[in-house]
């Protein structure tokens, strides 16, 4: 019985790793850097913005959702990411991005 626990734990961890790797991130083909907002320049503001991005099977961005980060940088990040292109895939995917300023 003592040997069964480590084997069972190993099997659970192994299966968990396979599940997590089921949807890898798509390769970015074309991107433009976000414009650094004038107000951010004025206040010497730096930081990052976290976004959730829905990418069509063709690789175009269908939807961008602001998740977190500095609000003064968010609009610029969202605007830039809407024009990004990803590699094609069999189905629509959701990507998590962090844009650094």
PDB file of N, CA and C in Angstrom:
ATOM      1  N   UNK A   1       0.817  -1.202   0.000  1.00  0.00           N
ATOM      2  CA  UNK A   1       0.000   0.000   0.000  1.00  0.00           C
ATOM      3  C   UNK A   1       0.858   1.261   0.000  1.00  0.00           C
ATOM      4  N   UNK A   2       2.004   1.214   0.705  1.00  0.00           N
ATOM      5  CA  UNK A   2       2.868   2.389   0.751  1.00  0.00           C
ATOM      6  C   UNK A   2       3.457   2.712  -0.617  1.00  0.00           C
ATOM      7  N   UNK A   3       3.681   1.688  -1.464  1.00  0.00           N
ATOM      8  CA  UNK A   3       4.233   1.916  -2.797  1.00  0.00           C
ATOM      9  C   UNK A   3       3.174   2.463  -3.754  1.00  0.00           C
ATOM     10  N   UNK A   4       1.919   2.176  -3.497  1.00  0.00           N
ATOM     11  CA  UNK A   4       0.847   2.597  -4.398  1.00  0.00           C
ATOM     12  C   UNK A   4       0.665   4.112  -4.387  1.00  0.00           C
ATOM     13  N   UNK A   5       0.854   4.741  -3.246  1.00  0.00           N
ATOM     14  CA  UNK A   5       0.653   6.185  -3.146  1.00  0.00           C
ATOM     15  C   UNK A   5       1.602   6.968  -4.056  1.00  0.00           C
ATOM     16  N   UNK A   6       2.925   6.708  -4.036  1.00  0.00           N
ATOM     17  CA  UNK A   6       3.805   7.457  -4.945  1.00  0.00           C
ATOM     18  C   UNK A   6       3.505   7.190  -6.413  1.00  0.00           C
ATOM     19  N   UNK A   7       3.134   5.964  -6.749  1.00  0.00           N
ATOM     20  CA  UNK A   7       2.809   5.642  -8.140  1.00  0.00           C
ATOM     21  C   UNK A   7       1.548   6.375  -8.570  1.00  0.00           C
ATOM     22  N   UNK A   8       0.545   6.386  -7.720  1.00  0.00           N
ATOM     23  CA  UNK A   8      -0.701   7.087  -8.020  1.00  0.00           C
ATOM     24  C   UNK A   8      -0.450   8.588  -8.151  1.00  0.00           C
ATOM     25  N   UNK A   9       0.337   9.151  -7.262  1.00  0.00           N
ATOM     26  CA  UNK A   9       0.667  10.565  -7.314  1.00  0.00           C
ATOM     27  C   UNK A   9       1.412  10.890  -8.606  1.00  0.00           C
ATOM     28  N   UNK A  10       2.365  10.052  -8.999  1.00  0.00           N
ATOM     29  CA  UNK A  10       3.108  10.264 -10.246  1.00  0.00           C
ATOM     30  C   UNK A  10       2.178  10.230 -11.449  1.00  0.00           C
ATOM     31  N   UNK A  11       1.230   9.299 -11.458  1.00  0.00           N
ATOM     32  CA  UNK A  11       0.279   9.192 -12.568  1.00  0.00           C
ATOM     33  C   UNK A  11      -0.594  10.442 -12.651  1.00  0.00           C
ATOM     34  N   UNK A  12      -1.046  10.939 -11.517  1.00  0.00           N
ATOM     35  CA  UNK A  12      -1.873  12.145 -11.492  1.00  0.00           C
ATOM     36  C   UNK A  12      -1.089  13.345 -12.008  1.00  0.00           C
ATOM     37  N   UNK A  13       0.161  13.499 -11.574  1.00  0.00           N
ATOM     38  CA  UNK A  13       0.990  14.611 -12.033  1.00  0.00           C
ATOM     39  C   UNK A  13       1.276  14.510 -13.523  1.00  0.00           C
ATOM     40  N   UNK A  14       1.547  13.310 -14.016  1.00  0.00           N
ATOM     41  CA  UNK A  14       1.822  13.111 -15.427  1.00  0.00           C
ATOM     42  C   UNK A  14       0.601  13.459 -16.273  1.00  0.00           C
ATOM     43  N   UNK A  15      -0.571  12.996 -15.889  1.00  0.00           N
ATOM     44  CA  UNK A  15      -1.788  13.311 -16.625  1.00  0.00           C
ATOM     45  C   UNK A  15      -2.104  14.799 -16.569  1.00  0.00           C
ATOM     46  N   UNK A  16      -1.838  15.435 -15.441  1.00  0.00           N
ATOM     47  CA  UNK A  16      -2.060  16.874 -15.318  1.00  0.00           C
ATOM     48  C   UNK A  16      -1.195  17.650 -16.284  1.00  0.00           C
ATOM     49  N   UNK A  17       0.057  17.240 -16.480  1.00  0.00           N
ATOM     50  CA  UNK A  17       0.958  17.896 -17.415  1.00  0.00           C
ATOM     51  C   UNK A  17       0.492  17.765 -18.847  1.00  0.00           C
ATOM     52  N   UNK A  18      -0.031  16.624 -19.218  1.00  0.00           N
ATOM     53  CA  UNK A  18      -0.544  16.418 -20.570  1.00  0.00           C
ATOM     54  C   UNK A  18      -1.743  17.326 -20.809  1.00  0.00           C
ATOM     55  N   UNK A  19      -2.613  17.434 -19.823  1.00  0.00           N
ATOM     56  CA  UNK A  19      -3.793  18.278 -19.955  1.00  0.00           C
ATOM     57  C   UNK A  19      -3.397  19.746 -20.106  1.00  0.00           C
ATOM     58  N   UNK A  20      -2.432  20.210 -19.329  1.00  0.00           N
ATOM     59  CA  UNK A  20      -2.006  21.606 -19.375  1.00  0.00           C
ATOM     60  C   UNK A  20      -1.377  21.950 -20.713  1.00  0.00           C
ATOM     61  N   UNK A  21      -0.722  21.003 -21.357  1.00  0.00           N
ATOM     62  CA  UNK A  21      -0.053  21.252 -22.630  1.00  0.00           C
ATOM     63  C   UNK A  21      -0.998  21.079 -23.816  1.00  0.00           C
ATOM     64  N   UNK A  22      -2.276  20.841 -23.568  1.00  0.00           N
ATOM     65  CA  UNK A  22      -3.247  20.579 -24.614  1.00  0.00           C
ATOM     66  C   UNK A  22      -3.411  21.761 -25.572  1.00  0.00           C
ATOM     67  N   UNK A  23      -3.302  23.001 -25.093  1.00  0.00           N
ATOM     68  CA  UNK A  23      -3.519  24.179 -25.935  1.00  0.00           C
ATOM     69  C   UNK A  23      -2.332  25.134 -25.846  1.00  0.00           C
ATOM     70  N   UNK A  24      -1.266  24.867 -26.606  1.00  0.00           N
ATOM     71  CA  UNK A  24      -0.102  25.752 -26.550  1.00  0.00           C
ATOM     72  C   UNK A  24      -0.391  27.102 -27.193  1.00  0.00           C
ATOM     73  N   UNK A  25       0.387  28.113 -26.834  1.00  0.00           N
ATOM     74  CA  UNK A  25       0.222  29.457 -27.385  1.00  0.00           C
ATOM     75  C   UNK A  25       0.539  29.453 -28.879  1.00  0.00           C
ATOM     76  N   UNK A  26      -0.191  30.246 -29.641  1.00  0.00           N
ATOM     77  CA  UNK A  26       0.041  30.348 -31.080  1.00  0.00           C
ATOM     78  C   UNK A  26       1.183  31.305 -31.363  1.00  0.00           C
ATOM     79  N   UNK A  27       1.898  31.026 -32.416  1.00  0.00           N
ATOM     80  CA  UNK A  27       3.046  31.847 -32.807  1.00  0.00           C
ATOM     81  C   UNK A  27       2.564  33.166 -33.403  1.00  0.00           C
ATOM     82  N   UNK A  28       3.187  34.246 -32.972  1.00  0.00           N
ATOM     83  CA  UNK A  28       2.882  35.578 -33.465  1.00  0.00           C
ATOM     84  C   UNK A  28       3.610  35.790 -34.789  1.00  0.00           C
ATOM     85  N   UNK A  29       2.873  36.169 -35.842  1.00  0.00           N
ATOM     86  CA  UNK A  29       3.446  36.338 -37.170  1.00  0.00           C
ATOM     87  C   UNK A  29       3.745  37.804 -37.467  1.00  0.00           C
ATOM     88  N   UNK A  30       2.834  38.698 -37.094  1.00  0.00           N
ATOM     89  CA  UNK A  30       2.978  40.124 -37.388  1.00  0.00           C
ATOM     90  C   UNK A  30       2.452  40.925 -36.203  1.00  0.00           C
ATOM     91  N   UNK A  31       3.226  41.899 -35.761  1.00  0.00           N
ATOM     92  CA  UNK A  31       2.738  42.736 -34.659  1.00  0.00           C
ATOM     93  C   UNK A  31       3.282  44.148 -34.783  1.00  0.00           C
ATOM     94  N   UNK A  32       2.564  45.085 -34.193  1.00  0.00           N
ATOM     95  CA  UNK A  32       3.032  46.462 -34.094  1.00  0.00           C
ATOM     96  C   UNK A  32       3.145  46.795 -32.620  1.00  0.00           C
ATOM     97  N   UNK A  33       4.153  47.562 -32.288  1.00  0.00           N
ATOM     98  CA  UNK A  33       4.324  47.964 -30.890  1.00  0.00           C
ATOM     99  C   UNK A  33       3.290  49.017 -30.535  1.00  0.00           C
ATOM    100  N   UNK A  34       2.761  48.967 -29.329  1.00  0.00           N
ATOM    101  CA  UNK A  34       1.785  49.984 -28.923  1.00  0.00           C
ATOM    102  C   UNK A  34       2.440  51.356 -28.814  1.00  0.00           C
ATOM    103  N   UNK A  35       1.655  52.369 -29.081  1.00  0.00           N
ATOM    104  CA  UNK A  35       2.137  53.747 -28.960  1.00  0.00           C
ATOM    105  C   UNK A  35       2.217  54.098 -27.477  1.00  0.00           C
ATOM    106  N   UNK A  36       3.314  54.695 -27.097  1.00  0.00           N
ATOM    107  CA  UNK A  36       3.477  55.098 -25.699  1.00  0.00           C
ATOM    108  C   UNK A  36       2.646  56.366 -25.487  1.00  0.00           C
ATOM    109  N   UNK A  37       1.606  56.333 -24.660  1.00  0.00           N
ATOM    110  CA  UNK A  37       0.707  57.487 -24.492  1.00  0.00           C
ATOM    111  C   UNK A  37       1.429  58.730 -23.973  1.00  0.00           C
ATOM    112  N   UNK A  38       1.003  59.891 -24.461  1.00  0.00           N
ATOM    113  CA  UNK A  38       1.620  61.162 -24.076  1.00  0.00           C
ATOM    114  C   UNK A  38       1.557  61.387 -22.568  1.00  0.00           C
ATOM    115  N   UNK A  39       0.436  61.029 -21.951  1.00  0.00           N
ATOM    116  CA  UNK A  39       0.301  61.211 -20.499  1.00  0.00           C
ATOM    117  C   UNK A  39       1.297  60.318 -19.756  1.00  0.00           C
ATOM    118  N   UNK A  40       1.579  59.145 -20.297  1.00  0.00           N
ATOM    119  CA  UNK A  40       2.556  58.248 -19.676  1.00  0.00           C
ATOM    120  C   UNK A  40       3.965  58.826 -19.793  1.00  0.00           C
ATOM    121  N   UNK A  41       4.246  59.473 -20.919  1.00  0.00           N
ATOM    122  CA  UNK A  41       5.547  60.143 -21.089  1.00  0.00           C
ATOM    123  C   UNK A  41       5.673  61.276 -20.082  1.00  0.00           C
ATOM    124  N   UNK A  42       4.619  62.045 -19.942  1.00  0.00           N
ATOM    125  CA  UNK A  42       4.610  63.189 -19.033  1.00  0.00           C
ATOM    126  C   UNK A  42       4.911  62.773 -17.594  1.00  0.00           C
ATOM    127  N   UNK A  43       4.361  61.633 -17.172  1.00  0.00           N
ATOM    128  CA  UNK A  43       4.550  61.173 -15.795  1.00  0.00           C
ATOM    129  C   UNK A  43       5.626  60.101 -15.655  1.00  0.00           C
ATOM    130  N   UNK A  44       6.385  59.860 -16.737  1.00  0.00           N
ATOM    131  CA  UNK A  44       7.424  58.811 -16.748  1.00  0.00           C
ATOM    132  C   UNK A  44       6.863  57.479 -16.246  1.00  0.00           C
ATOM    133  N   UNK A  45       5.707  57.132 -16.777  1.00  0.00           N
ATOM    134  CA  UNK A  45       4.993  55.937 -16.351  1.00  0.00           C
ATOM    135  C   UNK A  45       5.449  54.717 -17.136  1.00  0.00           C
ATOM    136  N   UNK A  46       5.770  53.646 -16.432  1.00  0.00           N
ATOM    137  CA  UNK A  46       6.145  52.367 -17.047  1.00  0.00           C
ATOM    138  C   UNK A  46       5.326  51.278 -16.379  1.00  0.00           C
ATOM    139  N   UNK A  47       5.179  50.172 -17.065  1.00  0.00           N
ATOM    140  CA  UNK A  47       4.438  49.053 -16.492  1.00  0.00           C
ATOM    141  C   UNK A  47       4.028  48.081 -17.574  1.00  0.00           C
ATOM    142  N   UNK A  48       3.053  47.258 -17.257  1.00  0.00           N
ATOM    143  CA  UNK A  48       2.577  46.277 -18.225  1.00  0.00           C
ATOM    144  C   UNK A  48       1.060  46.211 -18.188  1.00  0.00           C
ATOM    145  N   UNK A  49       0.503  45.649 -19.249  1.00  0.00           N
ATOM    146  CA  UNK A  49      -0.934  45.480 -19.386  1.00  0.00           C
ATOM    147  C   UNK A  49      -1.195  44.019 -19.732  1.00  0.00           C
ATOM    148  N   UNK A  50      -2.119  43.398 -19.033  1.00  0.00           N
ATOM    149  CA  UNK A  50      -2.477  42.003 -19.305  1.00  0.00           C
ATOM    150  C   UNK A  50      -3.777  41.970 -20.105  1.00  0.00           C
ATOM    151  N   UNK A  51      -3.756  41.180 -21.179  1.00  0.00           N
ATOM    152  CA  UNK A  51      -4.894  41.093 -22.079  1.00  0.00           C
ATOM    153  C   UNK A  51      -5.249  39.644 -22.366  1.00  0.00           C
ATOM    154  N   UNK A  52      -6.536  39.389 -22.587  1.00  0.00           N
ATOM    155  CA  UNK A  52      -7.002  38.101 -23.106  1.00  0.00           C
ATOM    156  C   UNK A  52      -7.416  38.382 -24.548  1.00  0.00           C
ATOM    157  N   UNK A  53      -6.915  37.562 -25.469  1.00  0.00           N
ATOM    158  CA  UNK A  53      -7.129  37.795 -26.893  1.00  0.00           C
ATOM    159  C   UNK A  53      -7.750  36.553 -27.534  1.00  0.00           C
ATOM    160  N   UNK A  54      -8.842  36.751 -28.269  1.00  0.00           N
ATOM    161  CA  UNK A  54      -9.465  35.665 -29.027  1.00  0.00           C
ATOM    162  C   UNK A  54      -8.957  35.759 -30.458  1.00  0.00           C
ATOM    163  N   UNK A  55      -8.358  34.666 -30.947  1.00  0.00           N
ATOM    164  CA  UNK A  55      -7.754  34.637 -32.272  1.00  0.00           C
ATOM    165  C   UNK A  55      -8.528  33.653 -33.148  1.00  0.00           C
ATOM    166  N   UNK A  56      -8.951  34.109 -34.334  1.00  0.00           N
ATOM    167  CA  UNK A  56      -9.705  33.267 -35.263  1.00  0.00           C
ATOM    168  C   UNK A  56      -8.806  32.169 -35.832  1.00  0.00           C
ATOM    169  N   UNK A  57      -9.398  31.154 -36.447  1.00  0.00           N
ATOM    170  CA  UNK A  57      -8.576  30.108 -37.075  1.00  0.00           C
ATOM    171  C   UNK A  57      -7.621  30.661 -38.142  1.00  0.00           C
ATOM    172  N   UNK A  58      -7.998  31.764 -38.785  1.00  0.00           N
ATOM    173  CA  UNK A  58      -7.149  32.370 -39.806  1.00  0.00           C
ATOM    174  C   UNK A  58      -5.973  33.152 -39.208  1.00  0.00           C
ATOM    175  N   UNK A  59      -6.024  33.441 -37.920  1.00  0.00           N
ATOM    176  CA  UNK A  59      -4.931  34.137 -37.244  1.00  0.00           C
ATOM    177  C   UNK A  59      -5.176  35.602 -36.949  1.00  0.00           C
ATOM    178  N   UNK A  60      -6.366  36.113 -37.275  1.00  0.00           N
ATOM    179  CA  UNK A  60      -6.674  37.504 -36.960  1.00  0.00           C
ATOM    180  C   UNK A  60      -7.279  37.610 -35.559  1.00  0.00           C
ATOM    181  N   UNK A  61      -7.124  38.761 -34.961  1.00  0.00           N
ATOM    182  CA  UNK A  61      -7.655  38.991 -33.614  1.00  0.00           C
ATOM    183  C   UNK A  61      -9.133  39.357 -33.729  1.00  0.00           C
ATOM    184  N   UNK A  62      -9.981  38.566 -33.073  1.00  0.00           N
ATOM    185  CA  UNK A  62     -11.428  38.806 -33.090  1.00  0.00           C
ATOM    186  C   UNK A  62     -11.870  39.715 -31.950  1.00  0.00           C
ATOM    187  N   UNK A  63     -11.250  39.539 -30.773  1.00  0.00           N
ATOM    188  CA  UNK A  63     -11.680  40.278 -29.581  1.00  0.00           C
ATOM    189  C   UNK A  63     -10.496  40.419 -28.635  1.00  0.00           C
ATOM    190  N   UNK A  64     -10.426  41.562 -27.949  1.00  0.00           N
ATOM    191  CA  UNK A  64      -9.390  41.801 -26.942  1.00  0.00           C
ATOM    192  C   UNK A  64     -10.074  42.257 -25.668  1.00  0.00           C
ATOM    193  N   UNK A  65      -9.707  41.642 -24.532  1.00  0.00           N
ATOM    194  CA  UNK A  65     -10.274  42.002 -23.232  1.00  0.00           C
ATOM    195  C   UNK A  65      -9.149  42.438 -22.299  1.00  0.00           C
ATOM    196  N   UNK A  66      -9.292  43.609 -21.715  1.00  0.00           N
ATOM    197  CA  UNK A  66      -8.335  44.135 -20.740  1.00  0.00           C
ATOM    198  C   UNK A  66      -8.518  43.371 -19.430  1.00  0.00           C
ATOM    199  N   UNK A  67      -7.441  42.773 -18.943  1.00  0.00           N
ATOM    200  CA  UNK A  67      -7.481  41.973 -17.716  1.00  0.00           C
ATOM    201  C   UNK A  67      -6.891  42.743 -16.536  1.00  0.00           C
ATOM    202  N   UNK A  68      -5.779  43.420 -16.757  1.00  0.00           N
ATOM    203  CA  UNK A  68      -5.142  44.127 -15.654  1.00  0.00           C
ATOM    204  C   UNK A  68      -3.946  44.933 -16.114  1.00  0.00           C
ATOM    205  N   UNK A  69      -3.366  45.635 -15.179  1.00  0.00           N
ATOM    206  CA  UNK A  69      -2.241  46.504 -15.482  1.00  0.00           C
ATOM    207  C   UNK A  69      -2.662  47.955 -15.362  1.00  0.00           C
ATOM    208  N   UNK A  70      -1.752  48.845 -15.715  1.00  0.00           N
ATOM    209  CA  UNK A  70      -2.025  50.271 -15.560  1.00  0.00           C
ATOM    210  C   UNK A  70      -3.072  50.746 -16.566  1.00  0.00           C
ATOM    211  N   UNK A  71      -4.170  51.339 -16.105  1.00  0.00           N
ATOM    212  CA  UNK A  71      -5.250  51.772 -16.989  1.00  0.00           C
ATOM    213  C   UNK A  71      -4.834  52.824 -18.025  1.00  0.00           C
ATOM    214  N   UNK A  72      -3.863  53.668 -17.705  1.00  0.00           N
ATOM    215  CA  UNK A  72      -3.428  54.680 -18.672  1.00  0.00           C
ATOM    216  C   UNK A  72      -2.692  54.062 -19.867  1.00  0.00           C
ATOM    217  N   UNK A  73      -2.214  52.854 -19.717  1.00  0.00           N
ATOM    218  CA  UNK A  73      -1.505  52.175 -20.797  1.00  0.00           C
ATOM    219  C   UNK A  73      -2.412  51.206 -21.555  1.00  0.00           C
ATOM    220  N   UNK A  74      -3.558  50.878 -20.992  1.00  0.00           N
ATOM    221  CA  UNK A  74      -4.433  49.830 -21.535  1.00  0.00           C
ATOM    222  C   UNK A  74      -4.952  50.142 -22.933  1.00  0.00           C
ATOM    223  N   UNK A  75      -5.446  51.331 -23.159  1.00  0.00           N
ATOM    224  CA  UNK A  75      -6.042  51.668 -24.451  1.00  0.00           C
ATOM    225  C   UNK A  75      -5.037  51.510 -25.593  1.00  0.00           C
ATOM    226  N   UNK A  76      -3.827  51.950 -25.367  1.00  0.00           N
ATOM    227  CA  UNK A  76      -2.782  51.830 -26.381  1.00  0.00           C
ATOM    228  C   UNK A  76      -2.447  50.370 -26.669  1.00  0.00           C
ATOM    229  N   UNK A  77      -2.379  49.561 -25.625  1.00  0.00           N
ATOM    230  CA  UNK A  77      -2.076  48.133 -25.787  1.00  0.00           C
ATOM    231  C   UNK A  77      -3.188  47.429 -26.554  1.00  0.00           C
ATOM    232  N   UNK A  78      -4.433  47.691 -26.195  1.00  0.00           N
ATOM    233  CA  UNK A  78      -5.578  47.060 -26.865  1.00  0.00           C
ATOM    234  C   UNK A  78      -5.610  47.446 -28.337  1.00  0.00           C
ATOM    235  N   UNK A  79      -5.400  48.719 -28.629  1.00  0.00           N
ATOM    236  CA  UNK A  79      -5.423  49.210 -30.006  1.00  0.00           C
ATOM    237  C   UNK A  79      -4.358  48.520 -30.861  1.00  0.00           C
ATOM    238  N   UNK A  80      -3.168  48.349 -30.329  1.00  0.00           N
ATOM    239  CA  UNK A  80      -2.083  47.710 -31.071  1.00  0.00           C
ATOM    240  C   UNK A  80      -2.360  46.229 -31.305  1.00  0.00           C
ATOM    241  N   UNK A  81      -2.803  45.527 -30.271  1.00  0.00           N
ATOM    242  CA  UNK A  81      -3.017  44.075 -30.354  1.00  0.00           C
ATOM    243  C   UNK A  81      -4.139  43.731 -31.335  1.00  0.00           C
ATOM    244  N   UNK A  82      -5.111  44.606 -31.513  1.00  0.00           N
ATOM    245  CA  UNK A  82      -6.199  44.348 -32.464  1.00  0.00           C
ATOM    246  C   UNK A  82      -5.672  44.155 -33.890  1.00  0.00           C
ATOM    247  N   UNK A  83      -4.504  44.691 -34.192  1.00  0.00           N
ATOM    248  CA  UNK A  83      -3.918  44.579 -35.532  1.00  0.00           C
ATOM    249  C   UNK A  83      -2.912  43.438 -35.666  1.00  0.00           C
ATOM    250  N   UNK A  84      -2.663  42.701 -34.607  1.00  0.00           N
ATOM    251  CA  UNK A  84      -1.691  41.604 -34.649  1.00  0.00           C
ATOM    252  C   UNK A  84      -2.235  40.443 -35.467  1.00  0.00           C
ATOM    253  N   UNK A  85      -1.303  39.643 -36.012  1.00  0.00           N
ATOM    254  CA  UNK A  85      -1.645  38.435 -36.763  1.00  0.00           C
ATOM    255  C   UNK A  85      -0.892  37.250 -36.164  1.00  0.00           C
ATOM    256  N   UNK A  86      -1.599  36.137 -36.016  1.00  0.00           N
ATOM    257  CA  UNK A  86      -1.024  34.902 -35.486  1.00  0.00           C
ATOM    258  C   UNK A  86      -1.016  33.847 -36.583  1.00  0.00           C
ATOM    259  N   UNK A  87      -0.274  32.772 -36.358  1.00  0.00           N
ATOM    260  CA  UNK A  87      -0.267  31.684 -37.329  1.00  0.00           C
ATOM    261  C   UNK A  87      -1.650  31.029 -37.370  1.00  0.00           C
ATOM    262  N   UNK A  88      -2.058  30.514 -38.538  1.00  0.00           N
ATOM    263  CA  UNK A  88      -3.348  29.826 -38.634  1.00  0.00           C
ATOM    264  C   UNK A  88      -3.389  28.581 -37.745  1.00  0.00           C
ATOM    265  N   UNK A  89      -4.597  28.204 -37.363  1.00  0.00           N
ATOM    266  CA  UNK A  89      -4.811  27.016 -36.517  1.00  0.00           C
ATOM    267  C   UNK A  89      -6.148  26.389 -36.899  1.00  0.00           C
ATOM    268  N   UNK A  90      -6.370  25.151 -36.503  1.00  0.00           N
ATOM    269  CA  UNK A  90      -7.630  24.475 -36.851  1.00  0.00           C
ATOM    270  C   UNK A  90      -8.875  25.104 -36.225  1.00  0.00           C
ATOM    271  N   UNK A  91      -8.706  25.775 -35.081  1.00  0.00           N
ATOM    272  CA  UNK A  91      -9.871  26.362 -34.412  1.00  0.00           C
ATOM    273  C   UNK A  91      -9.481  27.666 -33.720  1.00  0.00           C
ATOM    274  N   UNK A  92     -10.482  28.413 -33.279  1.00  0.00           N
ATOM    275  CA  UNK A  92     -10.242  29.658 -32.552  1.00  0.00           C
ATOM    276  C   UNK A  92      -9.563  29.353 -31.225  1.00  0.00           C
ATOM    277  N   UNK A  93      -8.638  30.214 -30.824  1.00  0.00           N
ATOM    278  CA  UNK A  93      -7.955  30.041 -29.550  1.00  0.00           C
ATOM    279  C   UNK A  93      -8.027  31.331 -28.743  1.00  0.00           C
ATOM    280  N   UNK A  94      -7.754  31.197 -27.473  1.00  0.00           N
ATOM    281  CA  UNK A  94      -7.678  32.341 -26.570  1.00  0.00           C
ATOM    282  C   UNK A  94      -6.251  32.418 -26.050  1.00  0.00           C
ATOM    283  N   UNK A  95      -5.641  33.582 -26.185  1.00  0.00           N
ATOM    284  CA  UNK A  95      -4.258  33.787 -25.759  1.00  0.00           C
ATOM    285  C   UNK A  95      -4.223  34.812 -24.627  1.00  0.00           C
ATOM    286  N   UNK A  96      -3.340  34.599 -23.663  1.00  0.00           N
ATOM    287  CA  UNK A  96      -3.108  35.566 -22.596  1.00  0.00           C
ATOM    288  C   UNK A  96      -1.808  36.283 -22.927  1.00  0.00           C
ATOM    289  N   UNK A  97      -1.843  37.621 -22.982  1.00  0.00           N
ATOM    290  CA  UNK A  97      -0.675  38.409 -23.330  1.00  0.00           C
ATOM    291  C   UNK A  97      -0.351  39.408 -22.230  1.00  0.00           C
ATOM    292  N   UNK A  98       0.916  39.735 -22.122  1.00  0.00           N
ATOM    293  CA  UNK A  98       1.354  40.810 -21.233  1.00  0.00           C
ATOM    294  C   UNK A  98       2.187  41.758 -22.079  1.00  0.00           C
ATOM    295  N   UNK A  99       1.714  42.993 -22.233  1.00  0.00           N
ATOM    296  CA  UNK A  99       2.385  44.002 -23.026  1.00  0.00           C
ATOM    297  C   UNK A  99       3.142  44.911 -22.064  1.00  0.00           C
ATOM    298  N   UNK A 100       4.453  45.028 -22.274  1.00  0.00           N
ATOM    299  CA  UNK A 100       5.283  45.844 -21.377  1.00  0.00           C
ATOM    300  C   UNK A 100       5.612  47.183 -22.017  1.00  0.00           C
ATOM    301  N   UNK A 101       5.501  48.226 -21.210  1.00  0.00           N
ATOM    302  CA  UNK A 101       5.830  49.581 -21.637  1.00  0.00           C
ATOM    303  C   UNK A 101       7.065  50.063 -20.902  1.00  0.00           C
TER     304      UNK A 101
END
